[in-house]
Amino acid sequence: MRTPEPTRPGTHRRTSCGLSKSCRPTPEDRDRGVKPRTYAEAGIRHFWRVEQGADDLPVVHVYELDPATNSYTPTGIHRKKLNLDVPFLIDVDLTEIHRRGRP
């Protein structure tokens, strides 16, 4: 296995992935605009934004960095179930996450 090339001290471009962020009502502009641009500039290849859906369940917006434009391209919006194989295998029942902490 080849060692990733460092992008700056302490980070490796190929290992930076799977970032998620939960949006709150007030900083939506920052969570949907400024932060994704900042993460793209840092070379983070995968970005997930987690929001609360109309049914009170989590909604996961998944993006992948397009190296040609250095911006994120949406790859899916996941409700009730998050099932991905990139950047790693994950299969999550989002309704169970919602139930945990609820009476």
PDB file of N, CA and C in Angstrom:
ATOM      1  N   MET A   1       0.837  -1.173   0.000  1.00  0.00           N
ATOM      2  CA  MET A   1       0.000   0.000   0.000  1.00  0.00           C
ATOM      3  C   MET A   1       0.884   1.239   0.000  1.00  0.00           C
ATOM      4  N   ARG A   2       0.567   2.184  -0.860  1.00  0.00           N
ATOM      5  CA  ARG A   2       1.341   3.416  -0.982  1.00  0.00           C
ATOM      6  C   ARG A   2       0.964   4.413   0.104  1.00  0.00           C
ATOM      7  N   THR A   3       1.939   5.088   0.651  1.00  0.00           N
ATOM      8  CA  THR A   3       1.681   6.108   1.667  1.00  0.00           C
ATOM      9  C   THR A   3       1.123   7.354   0.995  1.00  0.00           C
ATOM     10  N   PRO A   4       0.013   7.909   1.526  1.00  0.00           N
ATOM     11  CA  PRO A   4      -0.553   9.108   0.921  1.00  0.00           C
ATOM     12  C   PRO A   4       0.396  10.296   1.019  1.00  0.00           C
ATOM     13  N   GLU A   5       0.289  11.192   0.036  1.00  0.00           N
ATOM     14  CA  GLU A   5       1.098  12.400   0.049  1.00  0.00           C
ATOM     15  C   GLU A   5       0.468  13.411   1.006  1.00  0.00           C
ATOM     16  N   PRO A   6       1.255  13.979   1.903  1.00  0.00           N
ATOM     17  CA  PRO A   6       0.689  14.952   2.830  1.00  0.00           C
ATOM     18  C   PRO A   6       0.254  16.220   2.103  1.00  0.00           C
ATOM     19  N   THR A   7      -0.868  16.799   2.517  1.00  0.00           N
ATOM     20  CA  THR A   7      -1.329  18.053   1.941  1.00  0.00           C
ATOM     21  C   THR A   7      -0.886  19.220   2.798  1.00  0.00           C
ATOM     22  N   ARG A   8      -0.755  19.013   4.072  1.00  0.00           N
ATOM     23  CA  ARG A   8      -0.183  19.966   5.020  1.00  0.00           C
ATOM     24  C   ARG A   8       0.197  19.163   6.256  1.00  0.00           C
ATOM     25  N   PRO A   9       1.000  19.719   7.135  1.00  0.00           N
ATOM     26  CA  PRO A   9       1.473  18.942   8.287  1.00  0.00           C
ATOM     27  C   PRO A   9       0.328  18.290   9.063  1.00  0.00           C
ATOM     28  N   GLY A  10       0.446  16.991   9.287  1.00  0.00           N
ATOM     29  CA  GLY A  10      -0.536  16.273  10.090  1.00  0.00           C
ATOM     30  C   GLY A  10      -1.751  15.772   9.340  1.00  0.00           C
ATOM     31  N   THR A  11      -1.867  16.044   8.041  1.00  0.00           N
ATOM     32  CA  THR A  11      -3.030  15.559   7.288  1.00  0.00           C
ATOM     33  C   THR A  11      -2.575  14.784   6.055  1.00  0.00           C
ATOM     34  N   HIS A  12      -3.429  13.924   5.576  1.00  0.00           N
ATOM     35  CA  HIS A  12      -3.190  13.166   4.357  1.00  0.00           C
ATOM     36  C   HIS A  12      -4.444  13.241   3.512  1.00  0.00           C
ATOM     37  N   ARG A  13      -4.309  13.695   2.293  1.00  0.00           N
ATOM     38  CA  ARG A  13      -5.455  13.891   1.414  1.00  0.00           C
ATOM     39  C   ARG A  13      -6.276  12.617   1.237  1.00  0.00           C
ATOM     40  N   ARG A  14      -5.666  11.480   1.061  1.00  0.00           N
ATOM     41  CA  ARG A  14      -6.409  10.252   0.789  1.00  0.00           C
ATOM     42  C   ARG A  14      -7.116   9.691   2.019  1.00  0.00           C
ATOM     43  N   THR A  15      -6.728  10.103   3.194  1.00  0.00           N
ATOM     44  CA  THR A  15      -7.372   9.582   4.388  1.00  0.00           C
ATOM     45  C   THR A  15      -8.426  10.538   4.951  1.00  0.00           C
ATOM     46  N   SER A  16      -8.553  11.720   4.386  1.00  0.00           N
ATOM     47  CA  SER A  16      -9.526  12.697   4.865  1.00  0.00           C
ATOM     48  C   SER A  16     -10.852  12.469   4.167  1.00  0.00           C
ATOM     49  N   CYS A  17     -11.809  11.875   4.879  1.00  0.00           N
ATOM     50  CA  CYS A  17     -13.100  11.605   4.267  1.00  0.00           C
ATOM     51  C   CYS A  17     -14.137  11.339   5.346  1.00  0.00           C
ATOM     52  N   GLY A  18     -15.393  11.254   4.922  1.00  0.00           N
ATOM     53  CA  GLY A  18     -16.458  10.902   5.835  1.00  0.00           C
ATOM     54  C   GLY A  18     -16.812  11.996   6.817  1.00  0.00           C
ATOM     55  N   LEU A  19     -16.640  13.220   6.443  1.00  0.00           N
ATOM     56  CA  LEU A  19     -16.951  14.334   7.311  1.00  0.00           C
ATOM     57  C   LEU A  19     -18.452  14.566   7.321  1.00  0.00           C
ATOM     58  N   SER A  20     -19.020  14.787   8.490  1.00  0.00           N
ATOM     59  CA  SER A  20     -20.459  15.068   8.559  1.00  0.00           C
ATOM     60  C   SER A  20     -20.699  16.318   9.372  1.00  0.00           C
ATOM     61  N   LYS A  21     -21.793  16.970   9.095  1.00  0.00           N
ATOM     62  CA  LYS A  21     -22.131  18.202   9.785  1.00  0.00           C
ATOM     63  C   LYS A  21     -23.636  18.276   9.937  1.00  0.00           C
ATOM     64  N   SER A  22     -24.084  18.617  11.107  1.00  0.00           N
ATOM     65  CA  SER A  22     -25.508  18.766  11.366  1.00  0.00           C
ATOM     66  C   SER A  22     -25.890  20.237  11.289  1.00  0.00           C
ATOM     67  N   CYS A  23     -26.918  20.547  10.505  1.00  0.00           N
ATOM     68  CA  CYS A  23     -27.335  21.938  10.335  1.00  0.00           C
ATOM     69  C   CYS A  23     -28.307  22.351  11.425  1.00  0.00           C
ATOM     70  N   ARG A  24     -28.065  23.510  11.976  1.00  0.00           N
ATOM     71  CA  ARG A  24     -28.990  24.130  12.918  1.00  0.00           C
ATOM     72  C   ARG A  24     -29.663  25.270  12.169  1.00  0.00           C
ATOM     73  N   PRO A  25     -30.807  25.753  12.636  1.00  0.00           N
ATOM     74  CA  PRO A  25     -31.530  26.781  11.885  1.00  0.00           C
ATOM     75  C   PRO A  25     -30.737  28.042  11.575  1.00  0.00           C
ATOM     76  N   THR A  26     -29.969  28.596  12.485  1.00  0.00           N
ATOM     77  CA  THR A  26     -29.313  29.875  12.225  1.00  0.00           C
ATOM     78  C   THR A  26     -28.098  29.812  11.313  1.00  0.00           C
ATOM     79  N   PRO A  27     -27.174  28.857  11.443  1.00  0.00           N
ATOM     80  CA  PRO A  27     -25.993  28.916  10.580  1.00  0.00           C
ATOM     81  C   PRO A  27     -26.133  28.123   9.283  1.00  0.00           C
ATOM     82  N   GLU A  28     -27.347  27.989   8.733  1.00  0.00           N
ATOM     83  CA  GLU A  28     -27.522  27.208   7.505  1.00  0.00           C
ATOM     84  C   GLU A  28     -26.633  27.708   6.376  1.00  0.00           C
ATOM     85  N   ASP A  29     -26.501  29.035   6.210  1.00  0.00           N
ATOM     86  CA  ASP A  29     -25.662  29.575   5.141  1.00  0.00           C
ATOM     87  C   ASP A  29     -24.226  29.086   5.282  1.00  0.00           C
ATOM     88  N   ARG A  30     -23.741  29.081   6.521  1.00  0.00           N
ATOM     89  CA  ARG A  30     -22.373  28.620   6.772  1.00  0.00           C
ATOM     90  C   ARG A  30     -22.248  27.126   6.506  1.00  0.00           C
ATOM     91  N   ASP A  31     -23.234  26.330   6.965  1.00  0.00           N
ATOM     92  CA  ASP A  31     -23.175  24.877   6.809  1.00  0.00           C
ATOM     93  C   ASP A  31     -23.358  24.440   5.355  1.00  0.00           C
ATOM     94  N   ARG A  32     -24.098  25.207   4.574  1.00  0.00           N
ATOM     95  CA  ARG A  32     -24.371  24.830   3.182  1.00  0.00           C
ATOM     96  C   ARG A  32     -23.467  25.520   2.177  1.00  0.00           C
ATOM     97  N   GLY A  33     -22.761  26.560   2.586  1.00  0.00           N
ATOM     98  CA  GLY A  33     -21.940  27.313   1.644  1.00  0.00           C
ATOM     99  C   GLY A  33     -20.484  27.414   2.046  1.00  0.00           C
ATOM    100  N   VAL A  34     -20.222  28.135   3.123  1.00  0.00           N
ATOM    101  CA  VAL A  34     -18.846  28.419   3.535  1.00  0.00           C
ATOM    102  C   VAL A  34     -18.085  27.150   3.902  1.00  0.00           C
ATOM    103  N   LYS A  35     -18.663  26.327   4.754  1.00  0.00           N
ATOM    104  CA  LYS A  35     -17.943  25.127   5.212  1.00  0.00           C
ATOM    105  C   LYS A  35     -17.637  24.152   4.079  1.00  0.00           C
ATOM    106  N   PRO A  36     -18.601  23.834   3.194  1.00  0.00           N
ATOM    107  CA  PRO A  36     -18.233  22.940   2.084  1.00  0.00           C
ATOM    108  C   PRO A  36     -17.105  23.499   1.216  1.00  0.00           C
ATOM    109  N   ARG A  37     -17.093  24.803   0.959  1.00  0.00           N
ATOM    110  CA  ARG A  37     -15.993  25.388   0.183  1.00  0.00           C
ATOM    111  C   ARG A  37     -14.667  25.237   0.922  1.00  0.00           C
ATOM    112  N   THR A  38     -14.697  25.448   2.231  1.00  0.00           N
ATOM    113  CA  THR A  38     -13.489  25.309   3.044  1.00  0.00           C
ATOM    114  C   THR A  38     -12.989  23.865   3.021  1.00  0.00           C
ATOM    115  N   TYR A  39     -13.895  22.912   3.169  1.00  0.00           N
ATOM    116  CA  TYR A  39     -13.514  21.493   3.149  1.00  0.00           C
ATOM    117  C   TYR A  39     -12.976  21.099   1.775  1.00  0.00           C
ATOM    118  N   ALA A  40     -13.589  21.607   0.700  1.00  0.00           N
ATOM    119  CA  ALA A  40     -13.115  21.296  -0.655  1.00  0.00           C
ATOM    120  C   ALA A  40     -11.704  21.840  -0.858  1.00  0.00           C
ATOM    121  N   GLU A  41     -11.462  23.061  -0.403  1.00  0.00           N
ATOM    122  CA  GLU A  41     -10.129  23.648  -0.520  1.00  0.00           C
ATOM    123  C   GLU A  41      -9.092  22.842   0.248  1.00  0.00           C
ATOM    124  N   ALA A  42      -9.514  22.191   1.329  1.00  0.00           N
ATOM    125  CA  ALA A  42      -8.604  21.353   2.123  1.00  0.00           C
ATOM    126  C   ALA A  42      -8.403  19.974   1.492  1.00  0.00           C
ATOM    127  N   GLY A  43      -9.165  19.667   0.424  1.00  0.00           N
ATOM    128  CA  GLY A  43      -9.011  18.389  -0.264  1.00  0.00           C
ATOM    129  C   GLY A  43      -9.779  17.246   0.359  1.00  0.00           C
ATOM    130  N   ILE A  44     -10.754  17.542   1.212  1.00  0.00           N
ATOM    131  CA  ILE A  44     -11.570  16.485   1.825  1.00  0.00           C
ATOM    132  C   ILE A  44     -12.500  15.944   0.743  1.00  0.00           C
ATOM    133  N   ARG A  45     -12.336  14.681   0.408  1.00  0.00           N
ATOM    134  CA  ARG A  45     -12.991  14.098  -0.764  1.00  0.00           C
ATOM    135  C   ARG A  45     -14.471  13.806  -0.583  1.00  0.00           C
ATOM    136  N   HIS A  46     -14.922  13.545   0.643  1.00  0.00           N
ATOM    137  CA  HIS A  46     -16.324  13.191   0.878  1.00  0.00           C
ATOM    138  C   HIS A  46     -16.887  14.067   1.980  1.00  0.00           C
ATOM    139  N   PHE A  47     -18.077  14.585   1.742  1.00  0.00           N
ATOM    140  CA  PHE A  47     -18.727  15.488   2.682  1.00  0.00           C
ATOM    141  C   PHE A  47     -20.171  15.048   2.861  1.00  0.00           C
ATOM    142  N   TRP A  48     -20.584  14.910   4.094  1.00  0.00           N
ATOM    143  CA  TRP A  48     -21.981  14.576   4.406  1.00  0.00           C
ATOM    144  C   TRP A  48     -22.570  15.717   5.215  1.00  0.00           C
ATOM    145  N   ARG A  49     -23.771  16.128   4.858  1.00  0.00           N
ATOM    146  CA  ARG A  49     -24.493  17.131   5.646  1.00  0.00           C
ATOM    147  C   ARG A  49     -25.735  16.467   6.197  1.00  0.00           C
ATOM    148  N   VAL A  50     -25.912  16.522   7.505  1.00  0.00           N
ATOM    149  CA  VAL A  50     -27.045  15.868   8.154  1.00  0.00           C
ATOM    150  C   VAL A  50     -28.007  16.949   8.627  1.00  0.00           C
ATOM    151  N   GLU A  51     -29.262  16.820   8.220  1.00  0.00           N
ATOM    152  CA  GLU A  51     -30.296  17.771   8.610  1.00  0.00           C
ATOM    153  C   GLU A  51     -31.477  17.013   9.192  1.00  0.00           C
ATOM    154  N   GLN A  52     -32.327  17.740   9.856  1.00  0.00           N
ATOM    155  CA  GLN A  52     -33.554  17.149  10.391  1.00  0.00           C
ATOM    156  C   GLN A  52     -34.640  17.300   9.327  1.00  0.00           C
ATOM    157  N   GLY A  53     -35.247  16.174   8.918  1.00  0.00           N
ATOM    158  CA  GLY A  53     -36.293  16.196   7.905  1.00  0.00           C
ATOM    159  C   GLY A  53     -37.632  16.641   8.470  1.00  0.00           C
ATOM    160  N   ALA A  54     -38.593  16.853   7.580  1.00  0.00           N
ATOM    161  CA  ALA A  54     -39.935  17.285   7.982  1.00  0.00           C
ATOM    162  C   ALA A  54     -40.591  16.278   8.924  1.00  0.00           C
ATOM    163  N   ASP A  55     -40.228  14.989   8.786  1.00  0.00           N
ATOM    164  CA  ASP A  55     -40.784  13.946   9.649  1.00  0.00           C
ATOM    165  C   ASP A  55     -39.974  13.763  10.936  1.00  0.00           C
ATOM    166  N   ASP A  56     -39.044  14.690  11.199  1.00  0.00           N
ATOM    167  CA  ASP A  56     -38.205  14.692  12.396  1.00  0.00           C
ATOM    168  C   ASP A  56     -37.093  13.645  12.338  1.00  0.00           C
ATOM    169  N   LEU A  57     -36.964  12.930  11.222  1.00  0.00           N
ATOM    170  CA  LEU A  57     -35.889  11.947  11.052  1.00  0.00           C
ATOM    171  C   LEU A  57     -34.677  12.619  10.409  1.00  0.00           C
ATOM    172  N   PRO A  58     -33.470  12.081  10.640  1.00  0.00           N
ATOM    173  CA  PRO A  58     -32.299  12.651   9.982  1.00  0.00           C
ATOM    174  C   PRO A  58     -32.336  12.417   8.474  1.00  0.00           C
ATOM    175  N   VAL A  59     -31.868  13.410   7.733  1.00  0.00           N
ATOM    176  CA  VAL A  59     -31.705  13.317   6.281  1.00  0.00           C
ATOM    177  C   VAL A  59     -30.226  13.563   6.014  1.00  0.00           C
ATOM    178  N   VAL A  60     -29.563  12.632   5.311  1.00  0.00           N
ATOM    179  CA  VAL A  60     -28.132  12.739   5.059  1.00  0.00           C
ATOM    180  C   VAL A  60     -27.912  13.078   3.587  1.00  0.00           C
ATOM    181  N   HIS A  61     -27.316  14.246   3.355  1.00  0.00           N
ATOM    182  CA  HIS A  61     -26.955  14.695   2.005  1.00  0.00           C
ATOM    183  C   HIS A  61     -25.491  14.317   1.804  1.00  0.00           C
ATOM    184  N   VAL A  62     -25.188  13.549   0.750  1.00  0.00           N
ATOM    185  CA  VAL A  62     -23.847  13.023   0.524  1.00  0.00           C
ATOM    186  C   VAL A  62     -23.253  13.674  -0.723  1.00  0.00           C
ATOM    187  N   TYR A  63     -22.006  14.119  -0.607  1.00  0.00           N
ATOM    188  CA  TYR A  63     -21.309  14.798  -1.703  1.00  0.00           C
ATOM    189  C   TYR A  63     -19.924  14.194  -1.885  1.00  0.00           C
ATOM    190  N   GLU A  64     -19.420  14.262  -3.125  1.00  0.00           N
ATOM    191  CA  GLU A  64     -18.059  13.819  -3.425  1.00  0.00           C
ATOM    192  C   GLU A  64     -17.341  14.948  -4.144  1.00  0.00           C
ATOM    193  N   LEU A  65     -16.076  15.154  -3.812  1.00  0.00           N
ATOM    194  CA  LEU A  65     -15.286  16.224  -4.395  1.00  0.00           C
ATOM    195  C   LEU A  65     -14.953  15.907  -5.849  1.00  0.00           C
ATOM    196  N   ASP A  66     -15.273  16.832  -6.748  1.00  0.00           N
ATOM    197  CA  ASP A  66     -14.917  16.713  -8.161  1.00  0.00           C
ATOM    198  C   ASP A  66     -13.563  17.386  -8.342  1.00  0.00           C
ATOM    199  N   PRO A  67     -12.511  16.615  -8.636  1.00  0.00           N
ATOM    200  CA  PRO A  67     -11.176  17.205  -8.725  1.00  0.00           C
ATOM    201  C   PRO A  67     -11.033  18.206  -9.870  1.00  0.00           C
ATOM    202  N   ALA A  68     -11.853  18.095 -10.904  1.00  0.00           N
ATOM    203  CA  ALA A  68     -11.757  19.023 -12.036  1.00  0.00           C
ATOM    204  C   ALA A  68     -12.224  20.424 -11.652  1.00  0.00           C
ATOM    205  N   THR A  69     -13.215  20.508 -10.774  1.00  0.00           N
ATOM    206  CA  THR A  69     -13.763  21.809 -10.384  1.00  0.00           C
ATOM    207  C   THR A  69     -13.411  22.184  -8.950  1.00  0.00           C
ATOM    208  N   ASN A  70     -12.848  21.239  -8.205  1.00  0.00           N
ATOM    209  CA  ASN A  70     -12.544  21.403  -6.778  1.00  0.00           C
ATOM    210  C   ASN A  70     -13.776  21.860  -5.996  1.00  0.00           C
ATOM    211  N   SER A  71     -14.926  21.287  -6.367  1.00  0.00           N
ATOM    212  CA  SER A  71     -16.176  21.565  -5.648  1.00  0.00           C
ATOM    213  C   SER A  71     -16.933  20.248  -5.495  1.00  0.00           C
ATOM    214  N   TYR A  72     -17.904  20.250  -4.607  1.00  0.00           N
ATOM    215  CA  TYR A  72     -18.647  19.024  -4.318  1.00  0.00           C
ATOM    216  C   TYR A  72     -19.784  18.793  -5.305  1.00  0.00           C
ATOM    217  N   THR A  73     -19.955  17.521  -5.673  1.00  0.00           N
ATOM    218  CA  THR A  73     -21.058  17.069  -6.503  1.00  0.00           C
ATOM    219  C   THR A  73     -21.956  16.206  -5.634  1.00  0.00           C
ATOM    220  N   PRO A  74     -23.285  16.461  -5.639  1.00  0.00           N
ATOM    221  CA  PRO A  74     -24.169  15.621  -4.824  1.00  0.00           C
ATOM    222  C   PRO A  74     -24.218  14.199  -5.385  1.00  0.00           C
ATOM    223  N   THR A  75     -24.136  13.212  -4.494  1.00  0.00           N
ATOM    224  CA  THR A  75     -24.226  11.811  -4.920  1.00  0.00           C
ATOM    225  C   THR A  75     -25.441  11.111  -4.330  1.00  0.00           C
ATOM    226  N   GLY A  76     -26.173  11.777  -3.433  1.00  0.00           N
ATOM    227  CA  GLY A  76     -27.378  11.154  -2.896  1.00  0.00           C
ATOM    228  C   GLY A  76     -27.952  11.896  -1.709  1.00  0.00           C
ATOM    229  N   ILE A  77     -29.257  11.720  -1.534  1.00  0.00           N
ATOM    230  CA  ILE A  77     -29.963  12.208  -0.353  1.00  0.00           C
ATOM    231  C   ILE A  77     -30.598  10.979   0.273  1.00  0.00           C
ATOM    232  N   HIS A  78     -30.255  10.712   1.524  1.00  0.00           N
ATOM    233  CA  HIS A  78     -30.661   9.469   2.172  1.00  0.00           C
ATOM    234  C   HIS A  78     -31.622   9.746   3.323  1.00  0.00           C
ATOM    235  N   ARG A  79     -32.782   9.105   3.240  1.00  0.00           N
ATOM    236  CA  ARG A  79     -33.796   9.185   4.289  1.00  0.00           C
ATOM    237  C   ARG A  79     -34.076   7.762   4.766  1.00  0.00           C
ATOM    238  N   LYS A  80     -34.282   7.599   6.030  1.00  0.00           N
ATOM    239  CA  LYS A  80     -34.593   6.316   6.670  1.00  0.00           C
ATOM    240  C   LYS A  80     -33.438   5.336   6.666  1.00  0.00           C
ATOM    241  N   LYS A  81     -32.624   5.288   5.592  1.00  0.00           N
ATOM    242  CA  LYS A  81     -31.514   4.331   5.531  1.00  0.00           C
ATOM    243  C   LYS A  81     -30.339   4.962   4.789  1.00  0.00           C
ATOM    244  N   LEU A  82     -29.157   4.835   5.386  1.00  0.00           N
ATOM    245  CA  LEU A  82     -27.923   5.300   4.758  1.00  0.00           C
ATOM    246  C   LEU A  82     -27.117   4.061   4.403  1.00  0.00           C
ATOM    247  N   ASN A  83     -26.967   3.814   3.109  1.00  0.00           N
ATOM    248  CA  ASN A  83     -26.259   2.629   2.635  1.00  0.00           C
ATOM    249  C   ASN A  83     -25.279   3.076   1.563  1.00  0.00           C
ATOM    250  N   LEU A  84     -23.972   3.039   1.896  1.00  0.00           N
ATOM    251  CA  LEU A  84     -22.935   3.510   0.980  1.00  0.00           C
ATOM    252  C   LEU A  84     -21.791   2.513   0.916  1.00  0.00           C
ATOM    253  N   ASP A  85     -21.040   2.558  -0.185  1.00  0.00           N
ATOM    254  CA  ASP A  85     -19.815   1.772  -0.268  1.00  0.00           C
ATOM    255  C   ASP A  85     -18.599   2.670  -0.496  1.00  0.00           C
ATOM    256  N   VAL A  86     -18.809   3.979  -0.618  1.00  0.00           N
ATOM    257  CA  VAL A  86     -17.729   4.948  -0.776  1.00  0.00           C
ATOM    258  C   VAL A  86     -18.000   6.094   0.180  1.00  0.00           C
ATOM    259  N   PRO A  87     -17.123   6.540   0.996  1.00  0.00           N
ATOM    260  CA  PRO A  87     -15.701   6.203   1.074  1.00  0.00           C
ATOM    261  C   PRO A  87     -15.411   4.930   1.852  1.00  0.00           C
ATOM    262  N   PHE A  88     -16.451   4.339   2.459  1.00  0.00           N
ATOM    263  CA  PHE A  88     -16.317   3.062   3.149  1.00  0.00           C
ATOM    264  C   PHE A  88     -17.704   2.438   3.217  1.00  0.00           C
ATOM    265  N   LEU A  89     -17.754   1.145   3.511  1.00  0.00           N
ATOM    266  CA  LEU A  89     -19.041   0.471   3.644  1.00  0.00           C
ATOM    267  C   LEU A  89     -19.757   0.958   4.893  1.00  0.00           C
ATOM    268  N   ILE A  90     -21.001   1.355   4.714  1.00  0.00           N
ATOM    269  CA  ILE A  90     -21.816   1.769   5.848  1.00  0.00           C
ATOM    270  C   ILE A  90     -23.271   1.461   5.532  1.00  0.00           C
ATOM    271  N   ASP A  91     -23.978   0.935   6.517  1.00  0.00           N
ATOM    272  CA  ASP A  91     -25.393   0.611   6.373  1.00  0.00           C
ATOM    273  C   ASP A  91     -26.057   0.979   7.702  1.00  0.00           C
ATOM    274  N   VAL A  92     -26.751   2.117   7.729  1.00  0.00           N
ATOM    275  CA  VAL A  92     -27.316   2.635   8.968  1.00  0.00           C
ATOM    276  C   VAL A  92     -28.811   2.846   8.802  1.00  0.00           C
ATOM    277  N   ASP A  93     -29.569   2.331   9.756  1.00  0.00           N
ATOM    278  CA  ASP A  93     -31.006   2.584   9.811  1.00  0.00           C
ATOM    279  C   ASP A  93     -31.189   3.918  10.529  1.00  0.00           C
ATOM    280  N   LEU A  94     -31.502   4.969   9.781  1.00  0.00           N
ATOM    281  CA  LEU A  94     -31.614   6.307  10.358  1.00  0.00           C
ATOM    282  C   LEU A  94     -32.813   6.430  11.293  1.00  0.00           C
ATOM    283  N   THR A  95     -33.810   5.550  11.142  1.00  0.00           N
ATOM    284  CA  THR A  95     -34.954   5.591  12.052  1.00  0.00           C
ATOM    285  C   THR A  95     -34.544   5.093  13.435  1.00  0.00           C
ATOM    286  N   GLU A  96     -33.565   4.186  13.504  1.00  0.00           N
ATOM    287  CA  GLU A  96     -33.068   3.695  14.794  1.00  0.00           C
ATOM    288  C   GLU A  96     -32.266   4.767  15.516  1.00  0.00           C
ATOM    289  N   ILE A  97     -31.491   5.529  14.776  1.00  0.00           N
ATOM    290  CA  ILE A  97     -30.731   6.620  15.377  1.00  0.00           C
ATOM    291  C   ILE A  97     -31.713   7.603  16.002  1.00  0.00           C
ATOM    292  N   HIS A  98     -32.767   7.891  15.284  1.00  0.00           N
ATOM    293  CA  HIS A  98     -33.779   8.834  15.752  1.00  0.00           C
ATOM    294  C   HIS A  98     -34.430   8.326  17.046  1.00  0.00           C
ATOM    295  N   ARG A  99     -34.658   7.038  17.118  1.00  0.00           N
ATOM    296  CA  ARG A  99     -35.335   6.467  18.284  1.00  0.00           C
ATOM    297  C   ARG A  99     -34.469   6.431  19.534  1.00  0.00           C
ATOM    298  N   ARG A 100     -33.141   6.377  19.335  1.00  0.00           N
ATOM    299  CA  ARG A 100     -32.244   6.250  20.495  1.00  0.00           C
ATOM    300  C   ARG A 100     -32.414   7.443  21.378  1.00  0.00           C
ATOM    301  N   GLY A 101     -32.442   7.923  22.170  1.00  0.00           N
ATOM    302  CA  GLY A 101     -32.581   9.160  22.909  1.00  0.00           C
ATOM    303  C   GLY A 101     -34.016   9.630  23.037  1.00  0.00           C
ATOM    304  N   ARG A 102     -34.965   8.922  22.448  1.00  0.00           N
ATOM    305  CA  ARG A 102     -36.372   9.294  22.552  1.00  0.00           C
ATOM    306  C   ARG A 102     -37.069   8.284  23.472  1.00  0.00           C
ATOM    307  N   PRO A 103     -38.070   8.737  24.239  1.00  0.00           N
ATOM    308  CA  PRO A 103     -38.798   7.788  25.120  1.00  0.00           C
ATOM    309  C   PRO A 103     -39.626   6.800  24.332  1.00  0.00           C
TER     310      PRO A 103
END
